[in-house]
Amino acid sequence: MLVAAAALATEDVRITFTELFRHCRLAGIVEMSDAWSYICVYSHAVSEQLSVGIVGASGFTGAELLRLLVNHPNMDVRAVTGDTQAGNKVADLYPSLAPAYGDMTYVRYEDAGLEKLDLVFACLPHRASQEIVGGLIDHVAHVIDLSADFRLNDPMVYETWYEVPHVVPELIDRFAYGLPELFRDDIKAKKHVAVPGCYPQTAVLPLAPLLRAGVIAGTGIIIDAASGASGAGRAPKANTTFCAVDEDFSAYAVGTHRHTPEIEQTLGTQVVFTPHLAPMNRGILATCYAKPTGATSADEILSVLSDFYADEPFVHVSDRLPTTKATLGSNSAHISARYDERTQTAMVFCALDNLCKGSSGGAIQSANIVAGLDETAGLPLVGLMP
């Protein structure tokens, strides 16, 4: 009975007491005391609903947020913006979302009324977020930014790598770096979150525990990572069309990828990072190479990783080499390790879904923390197979 009341609250937050009593009858609840218990649970669940807006909801990360938030018990999507899609239905752009958002329409940013909401996810390209965050941050309880605009601590480093000046550097310190497995306390202490990039998460999660434990050296780290085409966004590009990506595998942005300084800032050391475009829709696999600081083995490296992530719900460490397919659609990162005795090289591997854990799922995970909710709420633990 009580579970049914809570479930009802997630479906319709504007329901009269008369309708509630009708639901009681339909549920077979006839005693007045039971009916009032049902209503109290419903009312409590409704009071915990956060009104949510998504800026840039027509892109892949926005669509992924919409997919995941369907099952969130405490978040209710009230507004979605997409200036290029304004006036069009969400279901027309993403038919997969039709059962949940059949009547929802994209609106222009200025017409969304976001300042009235509890929480806003910003899914905009770099620099674009800077233009809106200043007008939101003091009116909305929580801003969760998925761009690169508030990840880097030094605005001059941002300008160097993104080739544009940071126009609101005074706001950077108001954002926590949203990687809960490493910075949960900082996220709890702040109201707003800068969601990490997908490549940095895939590289940092397997390397950071080993650096902190002193198992690997802080110099000579090499990161090779391959991502699916969705990492480039929804907008068409010559190198991400079907004919360009299919049956191809290529390195790109060698030595110049903008996620490099983010990885280095988070790990506290320089790295060589080379991204690759793989012929798949979504997913990232990172293979990272490092030199040990002393005698070690694959078992020791795995033990360090397992101990570090023992209490983390979304990081799975095992001796099985990770695959992108195993993480598809989930908020989980899969990590493993090997040690090459011949060359004395530690190798750590991480796979995750770039749109879920690597972006929108990670955004919800951090949003849950700043909002004081269950960190796992609304997030899938296991991937889709086959």
Protein backbone atom coordinates (compact mmCIF):
# COMPACT_ATOMS: atom_id res chain seq x y z
CA MET A 1 0.00 0.00 0.00
CA LEU A 2 2.69 2.49 1.03
CA VAL A 3 4.89 1.59 -1.92
CA ALA A 4 1.94 2.18 -4.23
CA ALA A 5 1.38 5.63 -2.72
CA ALA A 6 5.00 6.61 -3.22
CA ALA A 7 4.91 5.29 -6.80
CA LEU A 8 1.78 7.32 -7.52
CA ALA A 9 3.56 10.47 -6.36
CA THR A 10 6.21 10.03 -9.04
CA GLU A 11 3.54 9.83 -11.73
CA ASP A 12 1.38 12.85 -10.94
CA VAL A 13 2.32 15.59 -8.52
CA ARG A 14 -0.96 17.49 -8.96
CA ILE A 15 -3.75 15.23 -7.74
CA THR A 16 -6.70 16.18 -5.54
CA PHE A 17 -7.70 14.51 -2.28
CA THR A 18 -10.88 13.27 -3.99
CA GLU A 19 -8.77 11.53 -6.60
CA LEU A 20 -6.52 10.14 -3.87
CA PHE A 21 -9.50 8.54 -2.15
CA ARG A 22 -10.53 7.09 -5.51
CA HIS A 23 -7.04 5.55 -5.83
CA CYS A 24 -7.50 4.14 -2.32
CA ARG A 25 -10.71 2.39 -3.37
CA LEU A 26 -9.10 1.05 -6.53
CA ALA A 27 -6.24 -0.28 -4.39
CA GLY A 28 -8.71 -2.05 -2.10
CA ILE A 29 -8.08 0.28 0.85
CA VAL A 30 -11.35 0.65 2.78
CA GLU A 31 -10.32 1.52 6.34
CA MET A 32 -10.09 5.27 6.93
CA SER A 33 -6.85 4.92 8.94
CA ASP A 34 -5.21 3.05 6.05
CA ALA A 35 -6.47 5.63 3.60
CA TRP A 36 -4.93 8.46 5.58
CA SER A 37 -1.62 6.56 5.78
CA TYR A 38 -1.72 6.20 2.00
CA ILE A 39 -2.34 9.94 1.60
CA CYS A 40 0.42 10.87 4.05
CA VAL A 41 2.98 8.76 2.20
CA TYR A 42 1.87 10.29 -1.09
CA SER A 43 2.12 13.82 0.31
CA HIS A 44 5.61 13.15 1.72
CA ALA A 45 6.79 11.75 -1.60
CA VAL A 46 5.41 14.76 -3.47
CA SER A 47 7.17 17.14 -1.08
CA GLU A 48 10.49 15.52 -1.99
CA GLN A 49 10.01 16.12 -5.73
CA LEU A 50 12.54 18.56 -7.18
CA SER A 51 11.46 20.61 -10.18
CA VAL A 52 14.06 20.17 -12.90
CA GLY A 53 14.96 21.95 -16.12
CA ILE A 54 17.33 20.84 -18.87
CA VAL A 55 19.08 23.45 -21.00
CA GLY A 56 20.18 22.10 -24.36
CA ALA A 57 17.90 19.09 -24.07
CA SER A 58 17.90 18.45 -27.82
CA GLY A 59 21.47 17.11 -27.75
CA PHE A 60 22.56 13.59 -26.86
CA THR A 61 23.39 14.37 -23.23
CA GLY A 62 20.05 16.14 -22.80
CA ALA A 63 18.20 13.19 -24.30
CA GLU A 64 20.09 10.82 -22.00
CA LEU A 65 19.09 12.92 -19.00
CA LEU A 66 15.45 12.70 -20.08
CA ARG A 67 15.74 8.92 -20.41
CA LEU A 68 17.27 8.48 -16.99
CA LEU A 69 15.03 10.95 -15.16
CA VAL A 70 11.92 9.00 -16.17
CA ASN A 71 12.79 6.58 -13.37
CA HIS A 72 14.00 9.12 -10.82
CA PRO A 73 11.78 9.08 -7.72
CA ASN A 74 12.63 12.64 -6.65
CA MET A 75 13.06 14.66 -9.83
CA ASP A 76 10.31 15.98 -12.08
CA VAL A 77 11.26 17.49 -15.45
CA ARG A 78 9.32 20.71 -15.91
CA ALA A 79 11.12 22.47 -18.77
CA VAL A 80 13.42 21.53 -21.64
CA THR A 81 15.12 24.08 -23.85
CA GLY A 82 16.52 23.68 -27.32
CA ASP A 83 16.60 26.87 -29.35
CA THR A 84 17.05 25.06 -32.66
CA GLN A 85 14.12 22.77 -31.82
CA ALA A 86 11.84 25.34 -30.16
CA GLY A 87 8.20 24.50 -30.81
CA ASN A 88 8.95 20.89 -31.71
CA LYS A 89 7.96 17.94 -29.55
CA VAL A 90 10.64 15.95 -27.75
CA ALA A 91 9.05 12.76 -29.10
CA ASP A 92 9.47 13.92 -32.69
CA LEU A 93 13.23 14.31 -32.28
CA TYR A 94 13.64 11.27 -30.01
CA PRO A 95 10.78 8.76 -30.56
CA SER A 96 12.30 6.54 -27.86
CA LEU A 97 11.21 9.15 -25.29
CA ALA A 98 7.61 9.35 -26.53
CA PRO A 99 6.03 7.10 -23.85
CA ALA A 100 7.26 9.45 -21.11
CA TYR A 101 7.42 12.83 -22.83
CA GLY A 102 4.83 12.57 -25.60
CA ASP A 103 3.40 16.07 -25.06
CA MET A 104 6.54 17.87 -23.93
CA THR A 105 7.79 20.59 -26.27
CA TYR A 106 11.17 22.26 -26.57
CA VAL A 107 11.13 25.97 -25.75
CA ARG A 108 13.60 28.78 -26.19
CA TYR A 109 15.86 29.42 -23.22
CA GLU A 110 14.37 32.80 -22.39
CA ASP A 111 10.85 31.31 -22.33
CA ALA A 112 11.61 28.38 -20.01
CA GLY A 113 11.21 30.10 -16.63
CA LEU A 114 14.20 28.21 -15.26
CA GLU A 115 14.74 30.59 -12.36
CA LYS A 116 11.60 29.16 -10.73
CA LEU A 117 12.98 25.62 -10.64
CA ASP A 118 14.96 23.74 -8.00
CA LEU A 119 17.66 22.27 -10.22
CA VAL A 120 18.92 22.91 -13.75
CA PHE A 121 21.12 20.67 -15.89
CA ALA A 122 23.05 22.70 -18.48
CA CYS A 123 23.95 20.61 -21.55
CA LEU A 124 25.62 23.25 -23.69
CA PRO A 125 28.94 23.47 -25.54
CA HIS A 126 31.91 25.16 -23.88
CA ARG A 127 31.62 28.94 -23.58
CA ALA A 128 27.81 28.77 -24.03
CA SER A 129 27.30 27.73 -20.40
CA GLN A 130 29.19 30.80 -19.20
CA GLU A 131 26.61 32.99 -20.89
CA ILE A 132 23.69 31.59 -18.86
CA VAL A 133 25.12 30.38 -15.55
CA GLY A 134 25.58 33.88 -14.17
CA GLY A 135 21.86 34.45 -14.48
CA LEU A 136 20.93 31.13 -12.87
CA ILE A 137 23.39 30.44 -10.09
CA ASP A 138 21.81 32.83 -7.58
CA HIS A 139 18.22 31.90 -8.42
CA VAL A 140 18.36 28.13 -8.77
CA ALA A 141 19.35 25.95 -5.83
CA HIS A 142 21.59 23.73 -7.94
CA VAL A 143 23.19 24.12 -11.36
CA ILE A 144 24.73 20.96 -12.82
CA ASP A 145 26.90 21.98 -15.76
CA LEU A 146 27.92 19.35 -18.30
CA SER A 147 30.20 21.62 -20.32
CA ALA A 148 33.91 22.18 -19.76
CA ASP A 149 33.40 25.75 -18.56
CA PHE A 150 33.77 25.20 -14.81
CA ARG A 151 35.99 22.11 -14.63
CA LEU A 152 39.40 23.76 -14.78
CA ASN A 153 40.55 25.70 -11.74
CA ASP A 154 42.75 28.11 -13.68
CA PRO A 155 40.93 30.31 -16.23
CA MET A 156 44.20 30.85 -18.08
CA VAL A 157 44.57 27.11 -18.63
CA TYR A 158 41.01 27.12 -19.97
CA GLU A 159 41.88 29.94 -22.36
CA THR A 160 45.00 28.13 -23.56
CA TRP A 161 43.23 24.88 -24.42
CA TYR A 162 39.81 26.16 -25.48
CA GLU A 163 41.18 29.22 -27.31
CA VAL A 164 38.60 31.60 -25.85
CA PRO A 165 38.78 33.69 -22.66
CA HIS A 166 36.77 32.63 -19.63
CA VAL A 167 34.27 35.46 -19.11
CA VAL A 168 33.06 34.52 -15.61
CA PRO A 169 36.16 33.21 -13.78
CA GLU A 170 34.73 34.42 -10.47
CA LEU A 171 32.12 31.62 -10.65
CA ILE A 172 34.57 28.72 -11.02
CA ASP A 173 35.10 28.28 -7.28
CA ARG A 174 31.37 27.89 -6.72
CA PHE A 175 31.39 24.58 -8.60
CA ALA A 176 32.58 21.24 -7.29
CA TYR A 177 34.29 18.84 -9.68
CA GLY A 178 31.64 16.18 -10.04
CA LEU A 179 33.49 12.90 -9.69
CA PRO A 180 31.95 11.48 -6.49
CA GLU A 181 34.32 8.55 -6.20
CA LEU A 182 37.18 10.98 -5.61
CA PHE A 183 35.59 14.26 -4.54
CA ARG A 184 32.37 13.38 -2.72
CA ASP A 185 33.10 15.63 0.28
CA ASP A 186 33.70 18.64 -1.96
CA ILE A 187 30.45 17.96 -3.84
CA LYS A 188 28.55 17.80 -0.55
CA ALA A 189 30.07 21.11 0.53
CA LYS A 190 28.97 23.03 -2.55
CA LYS A 191 25.67 23.69 -4.32
CA HIS A 192 26.72 23.49 -7.95
CA VAL A 193 28.61 20.89 -9.95
CA ALA A 194 30.88 20.82 -13.00
CA VAL A 195 30.45 17.37 -14.50
CA PRO A 196 33.78 15.84 -15.65
CA GLY A 197 34.47 15.01 -19.25
CA CYS A 198 33.94 11.45 -20.40
CA TYR A 199 37.59 10.79 -21.28
CA PRO A 200 38.91 12.20 -17.98
CA GLN A 201 36.57 9.95 -15.99
CA THR A 202 37.70 6.88 -17.92
CA ALA A 203 41.37 7.71 -17.36
CA VAL A 204 41.23 9.08 -13.83
CA LEU A 205 39.16 6.33 -12.20
CA PRO A 206 41.76 3.56 -12.79
CA LEU A 207 44.86 5.73 -12.30
CA ALA A 208 44.06 7.96 -9.31
CA PRO A 209 43.99 5.21 -6.63
CA LEU A 210 47.37 3.89 -7.79
CA LEU A 211 48.94 7.35 -7.71
CA ARG A 212 47.49 8.05 -4.26
CA ALA A 213 48.83 4.75 -2.98
CA GLY A 214 52.26 5.38 -4.48
CA VAL A 215 52.10 2.19 -6.56
CA ILE A 216 52.87 3.91 -9.85
CA ALA A 217 55.19 6.78 -10.73
CA GLY A 218 53.77 10.19 -11.53
CA THR A 219 55.80 10.52 -14.73
CA GLY A 220 55.59 8.76 -18.06
CA ILE A 221 51.87 7.91 -17.87
CA ILE A 222 50.32 7.10 -21.26
CA ILE A 223 46.58 6.98 -21.88
CA ASP A 224 45.07 5.52 -25.05
CA ALA A 225 41.29 5.78 -25.16
CA ALA A 226 38.65 5.02 -27.78
CA SER A 227 35.16 6.51 -27.85
CA GLY A 228 32.01 5.97 -29.84
CA ALA A 229 30.73 8.62 -32.25
CA SER A 230 28.11 9.98 -29.84
CA GLY A 231 30.94 11.66 -27.96
CA ALA A 232 31.10 14.21 -30.78
CA GLY A 233 27.49 15.27 -30.17
CA ARG A 234 24.31 15.24 -32.26
CA ALA A 235 25.29 17.96 -34.72
CA PRO A 236 26.46 16.44 -38.04
CA LYS A 237 30.17 16.53 -38.76
CA ALA A 238 32.09 15.25 -41.75
CA ASN A 239 34.15 12.81 -39.70
CA THR A 240 31.19 11.38 -37.75
CA THR A 241 28.82 10.49 -40.58
CA PHE A 242 28.01 6.79 -40.96
CA CYS A 243 30.26 6.33 -44.00
CA ALA A 244 33.17 8.04 -42.23
CA VAL A 245 32.90 6.09 -38.98
CA ASP A 246 31.77 2.67 -40.16
CA GLU A 247 34.62 0.17 -40.64
CA ASP A 248 37.16 2.77 -39.49
CA PHE A 249 39.28 3.38 -36.38
CA SER A 250 41.32 6.53 -36.07
CA ALA A 251 43.33 8.66 -33.68
CA TYR A 252 42.50 12.35 -33.50
CA ALA A 253 43.49 15.54 -31.68
CA VAL A 254 46.86 13.95 -30.93
CA GLY A 255 48.60 16.00 -28.26
CA THR A 256 45.95 18.71 -28.41
CA HIS A 257 42.74 17.20 -27.01
CA ARG A 258 41.01 19.59 -24.62
CA HIS A 259 40.45 16.92 -21.99
CA THR A 260 44.22 16.70 -21.42
CA PRO A 261 44.48 19.53 -18.86
CA GLU A 262 41.46 18.18 -17.01
CA ILE A 263 43.08 14.77 -16.68
CA GLU A 264 46.34 16.36 -15.53
CA GLN A 265 44.60 18.64 -13.03
CA THR A 266 42.72 15.73 -11.49
CA LEU A 267 45.69 13.36 -11.36
CA GLY A 268 48.21 16.04 -10.42
CA THR A 269 50.71 15.03 -13.08
CA GLN A 270 51.44 15.28 -16.79
CA VAL A 271 50.23 12.56 -19.14
CA VAL A 272 50.36 11.62 -22.79
CA PHE A 273 46.73 11.30 -23.91
CA THR A 274 45.65 10.05 -27.31
CA PRO A 275 41.93 9.70 -28.10
CA HIS A 276 40.54 7.49 -30.86
CA LEU A 277 37.21 7.35 -32.67
CA ALA A 278 35.74 3.84 -32.74
CA PRO A 279 32.97 2.61 -35.06
CA MET A 280 30.27 2.36 -32.38
CA ASN A 281 27.51 4.61 -31.07
CA ARG A 282 28.51 4.92 -27.43
CA GLY A 283 31.09 3.72 -24.95
CA ILE A 284 34.72 4.45 -24.03
CA LEU A 285 37.60 2.08 -23.31
CA ALA A 286 40.81 3.50 -21.86
CA THR A 287 44.09 1.58 -21.66
CA CYS A 288 46.57 3.33 -19.38
CA TYR A 289 50.29 2.57 -19.01
CA ALA A 290 52.48 3.53 -16.06
CA LYS A 291 55.76 2.55 -14.43
CA PRO A 292 55.63 1.03 -10.93
CA THR A 293 57.52 2.61 -8.05
CA GLY A 294 58.73 -0.80 -6.88
CA ALA A 295 58.14 -4.51 -7.20
CA THR A 296 54.47 -5.22 -7.90
CA SER A 297 52.07 -7.59 -9.67
CA ALA A 298 48.67 -7.59 -11.30
CA ASP A 299 47.20 -9.01 -8.09
CA GLU A 300 48.63 -6.17 -6.02
CA ILE A 301 47.36 -3.53 -8.42
CA LEU A 302 43.91 -5.10 -8.48
CA SER A 303 43.94 -5.27 -4.69
CA VAL A 304 44.65 -1.54 -4.41
CA LEU A 305 41.85 -0.74 -6.85
CA SER A 306 39.40 -3.13 -5.18
CA ASP A 307 40.07 -1.71 -1.73
CA PHE A 308 39.75 1.87 -2.95
CA TYR A 309 36.40 1.28 -4.62
CA ALA A 310 35.02 -1.30 -2.20
CA ASP A 311 32.13 0.94 -1.12
CA GLU A 312 31.47 2.61 -4.45
CA PRO A 313 28.17 1.52 -6.03
CA PHE A 314 29.12 2.44 -9.59
CA VAL A 315 32.69 1.15 -9.89
CA HIS A 316 33.23 -2.55 -10.54
CA VAL A 317 36.78 -3.92 -10.23
CA SER A 318 37.63 -7.45 -11.34
CA ASP A 319 40.30 -9.45 -13.14
CA ARG A 320 38.06 -9.58 -16.23
CA LEU A 321 39.17 -7.16 -18.91
CA PRO A 322 36.40 -4.56 -19.34
CA THR A 323 34.36 -4.08 -22.49
CA THR A 324 32.26 -1.14 -23.59
CA LYS A 325 29.30 -3.39 -24.35
CA ALA A 326 29.09 -4.52 -20.72
CA THR A 327 28.56 -0.92 -19.58
CA LEU A 328 26.04 0.09 -22.26
CA GLY A 329 23.25 2.19 -20.79
CA SER A 330 24.55 1.89 -17.21
CA ASN A 331 26.11 4.31 -14.74
CA SER A 332 28.88 1.84 -13.93
CA ALA A 333 32.58 1.93 -14.70
CA HIS A 334 34.35 -1.42 -15.13
CA ILE A 335 38.04 -1.52 -14.18
CA SER A 336 40.78 -4.13 -14.41
CA ALA A 337 44.58 -4.33 -14.43
CA ARG A 338 47.56 -6.29 -15.70
CA TYR A 339 51.29 -6.15 -15.11
CA ASP A 340 53.87 -6.84 -17.81
CA GLU A 341 56.92 -8.19 -16.00
CA ARG A 342 59.05 -8.17 -19.14
CA THR A 343 58.80 -4.39 -19.58
CA GLN A 344 57.92 -3.63 -15.94
CA THR A 345 54.77 -1.80 -16.99
CA ALA A 346 51.51 -1.50 -15.10
CA MET A 347 48.43 -1.49 -17.33
CA VAL A 348 45.01 -0.45 -16.10
CA PHE A 349 41.80 -0.52 -18.08
CA CYS A 350 38.46 1.22 -17.71
CA ALA A 351 35.26 1.03 -19.72
CA LEU A 352 32.13 3.11 -19.30
CA ASP A 353 29.20 4.48 -21.25
CA ASN A 354 30.22 7.98 -22.35
CA LEU A 355 26.63 9.25 -22.32
CA CYS A 356 25.62 7.68 -19.00
CA LYS A 357 28.38 7.40 -16.38
CA GLY A 358 30.61 9.60 -18.53
CA SER A 359 28.07 12.40 -18.75
CA SER A 360 24.35 12.45 -17.95
CA GLY A 361 24.37 9.59 -15.45
CA GLY A 362 27.33 11.09 -13.66
CA ALA A 363 25.49 14.42 -13.66
CA ILE A 364 22.50 12.87 -11.92
CA GLN A 365 24.78 11.07 -9.44
CA SER A 366 26.31 14.40 -8.39
CA ALA A 367 22.93 16.14 -8.47
CA ASN A 368 21.63 13.54 -6.03
CA ILE A 369 24.49 14.36 -3.67
CA VAL A 370 24.10 18.15 -3.68
CA ALA A 371 20.34 17.79 -3.29
CA GLY A 372 20.73 15.45 -0.30
CA LEU A 373 19.13 12.48 -2.06
CA ASP A 374 20.16 8.85 -2.33
CA GLU A 375 23.23 8.99 -4.57
CA THR A 376 22.04 6.01 -6.62
CA ALA A 377 18.49 7.28 -7.22
CA GLY A 378 17.30 6.94 -10.79
CA LEU A 379 20.54 5.39 -12.04
CA PRO A 380 20.91 1.97 -13.72
CA LEU A 381 23.61 -0.25 -12.27
CA VAL A 382 23.89 -2.89 -15.00
CA GLY A 383 24.37 -2.57 -18.74
CA LEU A 384 22.26 -3.82 -21.63
CA MET A 385 23.14 -7.21 -23.12
CA PRO A 386 23.13 -8.38 -25.81
